Amino acid sequence: MRKTLMTTALAAGLALTGCVTAEQERQVSGAVIGGGLGLITAKVLGADNDWVVVSTLAGAAAGALVARNTATGQCAYARGDGTYYNAPCR
């Protein structure tokens, strides 16, 4: 089941790559990274399954919002210590 799910997700991702703009791609990648960090944090802290879902969704939402700074010509970059700074997009 897990292999089928992963294969389906990969195929869907490949099929949609030509259908998104650069801004949408940044938002999606921000959401994926944020969701992944939320998931990892919840698992490391030993949260139950409900909190894992909540933290993953919150991380995804935060990641998408951080990536959305490109609307002003500014991008958010991680400093490496958990904080972000705005600078012109590269």
N, C-alpha and C. Protein backbone atom coordinates (compact mmCIF):
# COMPACT_ATOMS: atom_id res chain seq x y z
N MET A 1 0.83 -1.19 0.00
CA MET A 1 0.00 0.00 0.00
C MET A 1 0.87 1.26 0.00
N ARG A 2 1.89 1.26 0.84
CA ARG A 2 2.74 2.43 0.95
C ARG A 2 3.50 2.69 -0.36
N LYS A 3 3.96 1.61 -0.99
CA LYS A 3 4.68 1.75 -2.26
C LYS A 3 3.76 2.31 -3.34
N THR A 4 2.52 1.86 -3.37
CA THR A 4 1.55 2.35 -4.34
C THR A 4 1.26 3.83 -4.10
N LEU A 5 1.11 4.22 -2.85
CA LEU A 5 0.84 5.62 -2.51
C LEU A 5 2.01 6.52 -2.92
N MET A 6 3.22 6.08 -2.64
CA MET A 6 4.40 6.88 -3.00
C MET A 6 4.54 6.98 -4.51
N THR A 7 4.28 5.91 -5.22
CA THR A 7 4.36 5.92 -6.69
C THR A 7 3.32 6.86 -7.27
N THR A 8 2.12 6.82 -6.74
CA THR A 8 1.05 7.70 -7.22
C THR A 8 1.39 9.15 -6.96
N ALA A 9 1.91 9.46 -5.77
CA ALA A 9 2.27 10.84 -5.44
C ALA A 9 3.39 11.34 -6.35
N LEU A 10 4.37 10.52 -6.61
CA LEU A 10 5.47 10.89 -7.49
C LEU A 10 4.98 11.13 -8.91
N ALA A 11 4.12 10.26 -9.40
CA ALA A 11 3.59 10.42 -10.76
C ALA A 11 2.74 11.68 -10.87
N ALA A 12 1.94 11.96 -9.86
CA ALA A 12 1.13 13.18 -9.88
C ALA A 12 2.01 14.42 -9.84
N GLY A 13 3.05 14.38 -9.05
CA GLY A 13 3.97 15.51 -8.98
C GLY A 13 4.66 15.76 -10.31
N LEU A 14 5.08 14.71 -10.96
CA LEU A 14 5.72 14.85 -12.27
C LEU A 14 4.74 15.36 -13.32
N ALA A 15 3.50 14.92 -13.25
CA ALA A 15 2.50 15.35 -14.22
C ALA A 15 2.17 16.83 -14.07
N LEU A 16 2.25 17.36 -12.85
CA LEU A 16 1.88 18.75 -12.60
C LEU A 16 3.03 19.73 -12.72
N THR A 17 4.24 19.28 -12.93
CA THR A 17 5.38 20.19 -12.94
C THR A 17 5.30 21.23 -14.04
N GLY A 18 4.72 20.91 -15.16
CA GLY A 18 4.62 21.87 -16.24
C GLY A 18 3.43 22.81 -16.11
N CYS A 19 2.60 22.62 -15.11
CA CYS A 19 1.36 23.39 -14.97
C CYS A 19 1.44 24.49 -13.92
N VAL A 20 2.59 24.75 -13.36
CA VAL A 20 2.69 25.74 -12.30
C VAL A 20 3.67 26.84 -12.68
N THR A 21 3.42 28.03 -12.13
CA THR A 21 4.34 29.15 -12.35
C THR A 21 5.47 29.08 -11.34
N ALA A 22 6.46 29.94 -11.52
CA ALA A 22 7.60 29.95 -10.59
C ALA A 22 7.15 30.33 -9.19
N GLU A 23 6.22 31.28 -9.08
CA GLU A 23 5.73 31.68 -7.75
C GLU A 23 4.99 30.54 -7.07
N GLN A 24 4.16 29.84 -7.81
CA GLN A 24 3.44 28.70 -7.24
C GLN A 24 4.41 27.61 -6.83
N GLU A 25 5.46 27.43 -7.61
CA GLU A 25 6.46 26.42 -7.27
C GLU A 25 7.15 26.76 -5.95
N ARG A 26 7.46 28.04 -5.75
CA ARG A 26 8.09 28.46 -4.49
C ARG A 26 7.14 28.26 -3.32
N GLN A 27 5.85 28.55 -3.53
CA GLN A 27 4.88 28.36 -2.46
C GLN A 27 4.74 26.89 -2.10
N VAL A 28 4.70 26.04 -3.10
CA VAL A 28 4.57 24.61 -2.85
C VAL A 28 5.82 24.08 -2.14
N SER A 29 6.98 24.49 -2.62
CA SER A 29 8.21 24.00 -1.97
C SER A 29 8.30 24.52 -0.55
N GLY A 30 7.87 25.76 -0.30
CA GLY A 30 7.84 26.27 1.07
C GLY A 30 6.89 25.49 1.95
N ALA A 31 5.73 25.14 1.39
CA ALA A 31 4.77 24.35 2.15
C ALA A 31 5.30 22.95 2.44
N VAL A 32 5.96 22.34 1.48
CA VAL A 32 6.50 20.99 1.68
C VAL A 32 7.60 21.02 2.74
N ILE A 33 8.49 21.99 2.65
CA ILE A 33 9.57 22.09 3.64
C ILE A 33 9.00 22.39 5.02
N GLY A 34 8.07 23.34 5.10
CA GLY A 34 7.45 23.66 6.39
C GLY A 34 6.70 22.49 6.99
N GLY A 35 5.96 21.78 6.15
CA GLY A 35 5.24 20.60 6.63
C GLY A 35 6.19 19.52 7.12
N GLY A 36 7.28 19.33 6.39
CA GLY A 36 8.28 18.34 6.80
C GLY A 36 8.91 18.70 8.13
N LEU A 37 9.23 19.98 8.30
CA LEU A 37 9.81 20.41 9.58
C LEU A 37 8.82 20.28 10.72
N GLY A 38 7.54 20.57 10.45
CA GLY A 38 6.52 20.38 11.48
C GLY A 38 6.37 18.92 11.87
N LEU A 39 6.41 18.04 10.88
CA LEU A 39 6.31 16.60 11.13
C LEU A 39 7.49 16.10 11.94
N ILE A 40 8.68 16.49 11.53
CA ILE A 40 9.89 16.04 12.23
C ILE A 40 9.91 16.55 13.66
N THR A 41 9.54 17.82 13.85
CA THR A 41 9.52 18.39 15.19
C THR A 41 8.54 17.65 16.09
N ALA A 42 7.35 17.37 15.59
CA ALA A 42 6.35 16.67 16.39
C ALA A 42 6.82 15.26 16.75
N LYS A 43 7.44 14.58 15.80
CA LYS A 43 7.92 13.22 16.07
C LYS A 43 9.06 13.23 17.08
N VAL A 44 9.97 14.20 16.96
CA VAL A 44 11.09 14.29 17.90
C VAL A 44 10.59 14.57 19.32
N LEU A 45 9.56 15.40 19.42
CA LEU A 45 9.02 15.74 20.75
C LEU A 45 8.08 14.66 21.28
N GLY A 46 7.83 13.62 20.50
CA GLY A 46 7.00 12.51 20.97
C GLY A 46 5.52 12.82 21.04
N ALA A 47 5.04 13.69 20.15
CA ALA A 47 3.63 14.06 20.14
C ALA A 47 2.77 12.90 19.66
N ASP A 48 1.49 12.91 20.11
CA ASP A 48 0.59 11.87 19.62
C ASP A 48 0.17 12.21 18.18
N ASN A 49 -0.56 11.30 17.55
CA ASN A 49 -0.88 11.44 16.12
C ASN A 49 -1.68 12.70 15.80
N ASP A 50 -2.58 13.12 16.70
CA ASP A 50 -3.35 14.33 16.45
C ASP A 50 -2.45 15.55 16.36
N TRP A 51 -1.51 15.66 17.28
CA TRP A 51 -0.59 16.80 17.26
C TRP A 51 0.40 16.74 16.10
N VAL A 52 0.71 15.55 15.67
CA VAL A 52 1.58 15.42 14.49
C VAL A 52 0.88 16.02 13.27
N VAL A 53 -0.40 15.73 13.11
CA VAL A 53 -1.16 16.27 11.99
C VAL A 53 -1.26 17.79 12.09
N VAL A 54 -1.56 18.29 13.28
CA VAL A 54 -1.69 19.73 13.48
C VAL A 54 -0.38 20.45 13.20
N SER A 55 0.71 19.92 13.72
CA SER A 55 2.00 20.59 13.51
C SER A 55 2.45 20.52 12.06
N THR A 56 2.13 19.42 11.38
CA THR A 56 2.48 19.31 9.96
C THR A 56 1.70 20.34 9.13
N LEU A 57 0.41 20.47 9.40
CA LEU A 57 -0.40 21.44 8.67
C LEU A 57 0.03 22.87 8.99
N ALA A 58 0.34 23.14 10.25
CA ALA A 58 0.79 24.49 10.62
C ALA A 58 2.13 24.81 9.96
N GLY A 59 3.02 23.86 9.93
CA GLY A 59 4.30 24.07 9.26
C GLY A 59 4.14 24.31 7.77
N ALA A 60 3.22 23.58 7.15
CA ALA A 60 2.96 23.77 5.72
C ALA A 60 2.40 25.15 5.45
N ALA A 61 1.47 25.60 6.29
CA ALA A 61 0.90 26.93 6.12
C ALA A 61 1.95 28.01 6.31
N ALA A 62 2.78 27.88 7.31
CA ALA A 62 3.83 28.86 7.55
C ALA A 62 4.85 28.86 6.41
N GLY A 63 5.20 27.71 5.91
CA GLY A 63 6.15 27.63 4.80
C GLY A 63 5.61 28.28 3.54
N ALA A 64 4.33 28.11 3.27
CA ALA A 64 3.73 28.73 2.09
C ALA A 64 3.68 30.25 2.25
N LEU A 65 3.41 30.73 3.47
CA LEU A 65 3.37 32.17 3.69
C LEU A 65 4.74 32.80 3.59
N VAL A 66 5.76 32.12 4.08
CA VAL A 66 7.12 32.66 3.98
C VAL A 66 7.51 32.77 2.53
N ALA A 67 7.17 31.79 1.72
CA ALA A 67 7.52 31.82 0.31
C ALA A 67 6.74 32.89 -0.44
N ARG A 68 5.62 33.33 0.09
CA ARG A 68 4.78 34.30 -0.57
C ARG A 68 5.37 35.71 -0.57
N ASN A 69 6.47 35.95 0.13
CA ASN A 69 7.10 37.27 0.15
C ASN A 69 7.59 37.71 -1.21
N THR A 70 7.61 36.84 -2.18
CA THR A 70 8.09 37.21 -3.51
C THR A 70 7.14 38.16 -4.21
N ALA A 71 5.94 38.36 -3.71
CA ALA A 71 4.99 39.29 -4.33
C ALA A 71 5.52 40.72 -4.29
N THR A 72 6.39 41.03 -3.35
CA THR A 72 6.97 42.37 -3.24
C THR A 72 8.36 42.44 -3.85
N GLY A 73 8.80 41.38 -4.47
CA GLY A 73 10.15 41.36 -5.02
C GLY A 73 11.18 40.97 -3.98
N GLN A 74 10.74 40.62 -2.81
CA GLN A 74 11.61 40.21 -1.72
C GLN A 74 11.38 38.73 -1.44
N CYS A 75 12.44 38.03 -1.10
CA CYS A 75 12.34 36.62 -0.73
C CYS A 75 12.81 36.46 0.72
N ALA A 76 12.28 35.46 1.35
CA ALA A 76 12.69 35.15 2.72
C ALA A 76 13.75 34.07 2.67
N TYR A 77 14.87 34.32 3.34
CA TYR A 77 15.97 33.37 3.37
C TYR A 77 16.24 32.97 4.82
N ALA A 78 16.56 31.71 5.03
CA ALA A 78 16.86 31.22 6.36
C ALA A 78 18.30 31.58 6.73
N ARG A 79 18.47 31.99 7.97
CA ARG A 79 19.81 32.29 8.47
C ARG A 79 20.52 31.04 8.96
N GLY A 80 19.79 30.01 9.27
CA GLY A 80 20.38 28.79 9.79
C GLY A 80 20.17 28.62 11.28
N ASP A 81 19.75 29.68 11.95
CA ASP A 81 19.49 29.60 13.39
C ASP A 81 17.99 29.58 13.70
N GLY A 82 17.18 29.37 12.67
CA GLY A 82 15.73 29.31 12.86
C GLY A 82 15.04 30.62 12.55
N THR A 83 15.78 31.66 12.20
CA THR A 83 15.18 32.94 11.85
C THR A 83 15.34 33.19 10.35
N TYR A 84 14.60 34.16 9.85
CA TYR A 84 14.61 34.49 8.43
C TYR A 84 14.91 35.97 8.24
N TYR A 85 15.40 36.32 7.06
CA TYR A 85 15.59 37.71 6.69
C TYR A 85 15.09 37.90 5.27
N ASN A 86 14.66 39.13 4.95
CA ASN A 86 14.17 39.45 3.61
C ASN A 86 15.29 40.12 2.82
N ALA A 87 15.39 39.74 1.56
CA ALA A 87 16.37 40.30 0.64
C ALA A 87 15.81 40.17 -0.77
N PRO A 88 16.36 40.94 -1.73
CA PRO A 88 15.89 40.77 -3.10
C PRO A 88 16.05 39.32 -3.56
N CYS A 89 15.08 38.86 -4.33
CA CYS A 89 15.13 37.49 -4.83
C CYS A 89 16.30 37.32 -5.79
N ARG A 90 16.94 36.18 -5.72
CA ARG A 90 18.09 35.89 -6.59
C ARG A 90 17.64 35.26 -7.86
